[in-house]
Amino acid sequence: MAAAGHLPCFLPRLLRLRDAPFYVGMDRYRFNNEVRPYLTEITIGKQGIAFDRLEQDAWVDQYKSRNGRPASNLQGE
């Protein structure tokens, strides 16, 4: 249990639309075009939209496997 005055330290499972682009490290325009089409939209209340954080993690893993490359092995840095 969290101490008085302290919030628990954990990531929420559902990320609202305003927070989802930041979570994957991109702006809202790019998120809407490149990531959002692959995620399940979850309605919260009458107007809220959220996305499952684990689905976003899976999207990043797939993106990284397609587009990532090992860091260069520079000495002295």
N, C-alpha and C. Protein backbone atom coordinates (compact mmCIF):
# COMPACT_ATOMS: atom_id res chain seq x y z
N MET A 1 0.85 -1.18 0.00
CA MET A 1 0.00 0.00 0.00
C MET A 1 0.89 1.24 0.00
N ALA A 2 0.48 2.25 -0.72
CA ALA A 2 1.26 3.49 -0.82
C ALA A 2 1.17 4.28 0.48
N ALA A 3 2.27 4.93 0.82
CA ALA A 3 2.30 5.77 2.02
C ALA A 3 1.40 6.98 1.80
N ALA A 4 0.94 7.56 2.89
CA ALA A 4 0.07 8.73 2.81
C ALA A 4 0.76 9.84 2.02
N GLY A 5 0.03 10.41 1.05
CA GLY A 5 0.59 11.50 0.26
C GLY A 5 1.40 11.04 -0.94
N HIS A 6 1.57 9.74 -1.11
CA HIS A 6 2.33 9.21 -2.24
C HIS A 6 1.41 8.40 -3.14
N LEU A 7 1.58 8.59 -4.42
CA LEU A 7 0.82 7.80 -5.38
C LEU A 7 1.55 6.50 -5.66
N PRO A 8 0.81 5.45 -5.94
CA PRO A 8 1.49 4.20 -6.31
C PRO A 8 2.29 4.41 -7.60
N CYS A 9 3.39 3.72 -7.73
CA CYS A 9 4.27 3.90 -8.88
C CYS A 9 4.07 2.73 -9.85
N PHE A 10 3.18 2.92 -10.81
CA PHE A 10 2.95 1.92 -11.84
C PHE A 10 2.38 2.59 -13.08
N LEU A 11 2.53 1.94 -14.22
CA LEU A 11 1.96 2.45 -15.46
C LEU A 11 0.54 1.93 -15.61
N PRO A 12 -0.39 2.78 -16.01
CA PRO A 12 -1.75 2.29 -16.25
C PRO A 12 -1.76 1.36 -17.46
N ARG A 13 -2.67 0.40 -17.46
CA ARG A 13 -2.79 -0.53 -18.59
C ARG A 13 -3.37 0.18 -19.81
N LEU A 14 -4.35 1.07 -19.58
CA LEU A 14 -4.97 1.81 -20.67
C LEU A 14 -4.41 3.22 -20.72
N LEU A 15 -3.99 3.62 -21.92
CA LEU A 15 -3.46 4.96 -22.12
C LEU A 15 -4.44 5.75 -22.96
N ARG A 16 -4.84 6.90 -22.46
CA ARG A 16 -5.77 7.75 -23.20
C ARG A 16 -5.11 8.30 -24.45
N LEU A 17 -5.95 8.69 -25.41
CA LEU A 17 -5.46 9.19 -26.69
C LEU A 17 -4.46 10.32 -26.52
N ARG A 18 -4.65 11.18 -25.55
CA ARG A 18 -3.73 12.31 -25.36
C ARG A 18 -2.35 11.85 -24.90
N ASP A 19 -2.25 10.67 -24.28
CA ASP A 19 -0.98 10.17 -23.73
C ASP A 19 -0.31 9.11 -24.60
N ALA A 20 -1.09 8.43 -25.43
CA ALA A 20 -0.56 7.30 -26.21
C ALA A 20 0.60 7.68 -27.14
N PRO A 21 0.52 8.80 -27.87
CA PRO A 21 1.67 9.15 -28.74
C PRO A 21 2.96 9.37 -27.96
N PHE A 22 2.85 10.04 -26.82
CA PHE A 22 4.03 10.29 -25.99
C PHE A 22 4.65 8.98 -25.51
N TYR A 23 3.80 8.01 -25.18
CA TYR A 23 4.29 6.71 -24.68
C TYR A 23 5.20 6.04 -25.70
N VAL A 24 4.85 6.12 -26.98
CA VAL A 24 5.69 5.49 -28.01
C VAL A 24 6.72 6.45 -28.59
N GLY A 25 6.74 7.69 -28.10
CA GLY A 25 7.79 8.63 -28.48
C GLY A 25 7.59 9.32 -29.81
N MET A 26 6.36 9.66 -30.13
CA MET A 26 6.12 10.37 -31.39
C MET A 26 5.00 11.39 -31.23
N ASP A 27 4.86 12.24 -32.23
CA ASP A 27 3.79 13.24 -32.16
C ASP A 27 2.45 12.59 -32.53
N ARG A 28 1.38 13.32 -32.25
CA ARG A 28 0.04 12.77 -32.45
C ARG A 28 -0.25 12.46 -33.92
N TYR A 29 0.21 13.33 -34.82
CA TYR A 29 -0.02 13.10 -36.25
C TYR A 29 0.60 11.78 -36.70
N ARG A 30 1.85 11.56 -36.35
CA ARG A 30 2.53 10.32 -36.75
C ARG A 30 1.90 9.11 -36.07
N PHE A 31 1.54 9.26 -34.80
CA PHE A 31 0.87 8.17 -34.08
C PHE A 31 -0.42 7.78 -34.79
N ASN A 32 -1.23 8.77 -35.14
CA ASN A 32 -2.52 8.50 -35.81
C ASN A 32 -2.33 7.80 -37.15
N ASN A 33 -1.26 8.12 -37.86
CA ASN A 33 -1.03 7.53 -39.17
C ASN A 33 -0.32 6.19 -39.14
N GLU A 34 0.61 6.01 -38.22
CA GLU A 34 1.46 4.82 -38.25
C GLU A 34 1.13 3.76 -37.20
N VAL A 35 0.61 4.18 -36.06
CA VAL A 35 0.40 3.23 -34.96
C VAL A 35 -1.08 2.94 -34.74
N ARG A 36 -1.87 3.96 -34.64
CA ARG A 36 -3.29 3.83 -34.29
C ARG A 36 -4.06 2.82 -35.14
N PRO A 37 -3.80 2.74 -36.45
CA PRO A 37 -4.56 1.76 -37.25
C PRO A 37 -4.35 0.30 -36.80
N TYR A 38 -3.29 0.02 -36.06
CA TYR A 38 -2.98 -1.34 -35.62
C TYR A 38 -3.41 -1.64 -34.19
N LEU A 39 -4.02 -0.65 -33.53
CA LEU A 39 -4.41 -0.82 -32.13
C LEU A 39 -5.92 -0.91 -31.99
N THR A 40 -6.35 -1.58 -30.94
CA THR A 40 -7.75 -1.65 -30.59
C THR A 40 -8.13 -0.39 -29.83
N GLU A 41 -9.15 0.32 -30.31
CA GLU A 41 -9.64 1.51 -29.60
C GLU A 41 -10.63 1.06 -28.52
N ILE A 42 -10.44 1.57 -27.33
CA ILE A 42 -11.29 1.24 -26.19
C ILE A 42 -12.01 2.50 -25.76
N THR A 43 -13.32 2.45 -25.79
CA THR A 43 -14.12 3.62 -25.41
C THR A 43 -14.17 3.73 -23.89
N ILE A 44 -13.92 4.95 -23.42
CA ILE A 44 -14.02 5.25 -21.98
C ILE A 44 -15.04 6.37 -21.84
N GLY A 45 -16.15 6.08 -21.21
CA GLY A 45 -17.21 7.08 -21.07
C GLY A 45 -17.85 7.37 -22.42
N LYS A 46 -18.32 8.60 -22.58
CA LYS A 46 -19.01 8.97 -23.81
C LYS A 46 -18.07 9.42 -24.91
N GLN A 47 -16.95 10.05 -24.56
CA GLN A 47 -16.06 10.60 -25.57
C GLN A 47 -14.62 10.12 -25.48
N GLY A 48 -14.26 9.48 -24.40
CA GLY A 48 -12.87 9.09 -24.21
C GLY A 48 -12.46 7.90 -25.05
N ILE A 49 -11.22 7.92 -25.51
CA ILE A 49 -10.63 6.81 -26.26
C ILE A 49 -9.31 6.46 -25.58
N ALA A 50 -9.09 5.16 -25.43
CA ALA A 50 -7.85 4.69 -24.84
C ALA A 50 -7.30 3.53 -25.67
N PHE A 51 -6.04 3.21 -25.41
CA PHE A 51 -5.36 2.11 -26.09
C PHE A 51 -4.64 1.28 -25.05
N ASP A 52 -4.59 -0.02 -25.28
CA ASP A 52 -3.91 -0.94 -24.38
C ASP A 52 -2.40 -0.73 -24.50
N ARG A 53 -1.76 -0.46 -23.38
CA ARG A 53 -0.32 -0.23 -23.35
C ARG A 53 0.45 -1.44 -23.88
N LEU A 54 -0.03 -2.65 -23.60
CA LEU A 54 0.67 -3.85 -24.06
C LEU A 54 0.60 -3.99 -25.59
N GLU A 55 -0.51 -3.56 -26.20
CA GLU A 55 -0.59 -3.55 -27.66
C GLU A 55 0.40 -2.54 -28.23
N GLN A 56 0.55 -1.42 -27.56
CA GLN A 56 1.54 -0.44 -28.02
C GLN A 56 2.95 -1.01 -27.90
N ASP A 57 3.22 -1.71 -26.80
CA ASP A 57 4.52 -2.34 -26.64
C ASP A 57 4.78 -3.34 -27.77
N ALA A 58 3.76 -4.12 -28.13
CA ALA A 58 3.91 -5.11 -29.21
C ALA A 58 4.18 -4.41 -30.54
N TRP A 59 3.49 -3.28 -30.79
CA TRP A 59 3.72 -2.53 -32.02
C TRP A 59 5.17 -2.05 -32.08
N VAL A 60 5.67 -1.52 -30.97
CA VAL A 60 7.06 -1.04 -30.92
C VAL A 60 8.02 -2.19 -31.16
N ASP A 61 7.77 -3.36 -30.56
CA ASP A 61 8.64 -4.52 -30.78
C ASP A 61 8.68 -4.91 -32.25
N GLN A 62 7.53 -4.93 -32.90
CA GLN A 62 7.48 -5.27 -34.33
C GLN A 62 8.20 -4.21 -35.16
N TYR A 63 7.95 -2.95 -34.85
CA TYR A 63 8.60 -1.85 -35.57
C TYR A 63 10.12 -1.95 -35.43
N LYS A 64 10.56 -2.21 -34.21
CA LYS A 64 11.99 -2.32 -33.94
C LYS A 64 12.61 -3.50 -34.70
N SER A 65 11.91 -4.62 -34.77
CA SER A 65 12.46 -5.79 -35.48
C SER A 65 12.56 -5.53 -36.99
N ARG A 66 11.66 -4.70 -37.52
CA ARG A 66 11.69 -4.39 -38.96
C ARG A 66 12.68 -3.27 -39.29
N ASN A 67 12.82 -2.30 -38.40
CA ASN A 67 13.56 -1.09 -38.73
C ASN A 67 14.79 -0.82 -37.87
N GLY A 68 14.96 -1.56 -36.81
CA GLY A 68 16.08 -1.31 -35.90
C GLY A 68 17.37 -1.90 -36.40
N ARG A 69 18.44 -1.42 -35.84
CA ARG A 69 19.76 -1.98 -36.14
C ARG A 69 20.60 -1.86 -34.87
N PRO A 70 21.55 -2.74 -34.70
CA PRO A 70 22.39 -2.68 -33.50
C PRO A 70 23.15 -1.35 -33.43
N ALA A 71 23.36 -0.89 -32.23
CA ALA A 71 24.14 0.33 -32.03
C ALA A 71 25.57 0.06 -32.48
N SER A 72 26.19 1.10 -33.01
CA SER A 72 27.59 0.92 -33.43
C SER A 72 28.45 0.73 -32.18
N ASN A 73 29.49 0.00 -32.35
CA ASN A 73 30.38 -0.33 -31.23
C ASN A 73 31.59 0.61 -31.27
N LEU A 74 31.36 1.87 -30.91
CA LEU A 74 32.43 2.85 -30.94
C LEU A 74 33.20 2.81 -29.62
N GLN A 75 34.48 2.80 -29.71
CA GLN A 75 35.30 2.79 -28.51
C GLN A 75 35.61 4.23 -28.10
N GLY A 76 35.71 4.43 -26.79
CA GLY A 76 36.05 5.75 -26.28
C GLY A 76 34.86 6.64 -26.08
N GLU A 77 33.66 6.13 -26.29
CA GLU A 77 32.45 6.95 -26.05
C GLU A 77 31.60 6.32 -24.99
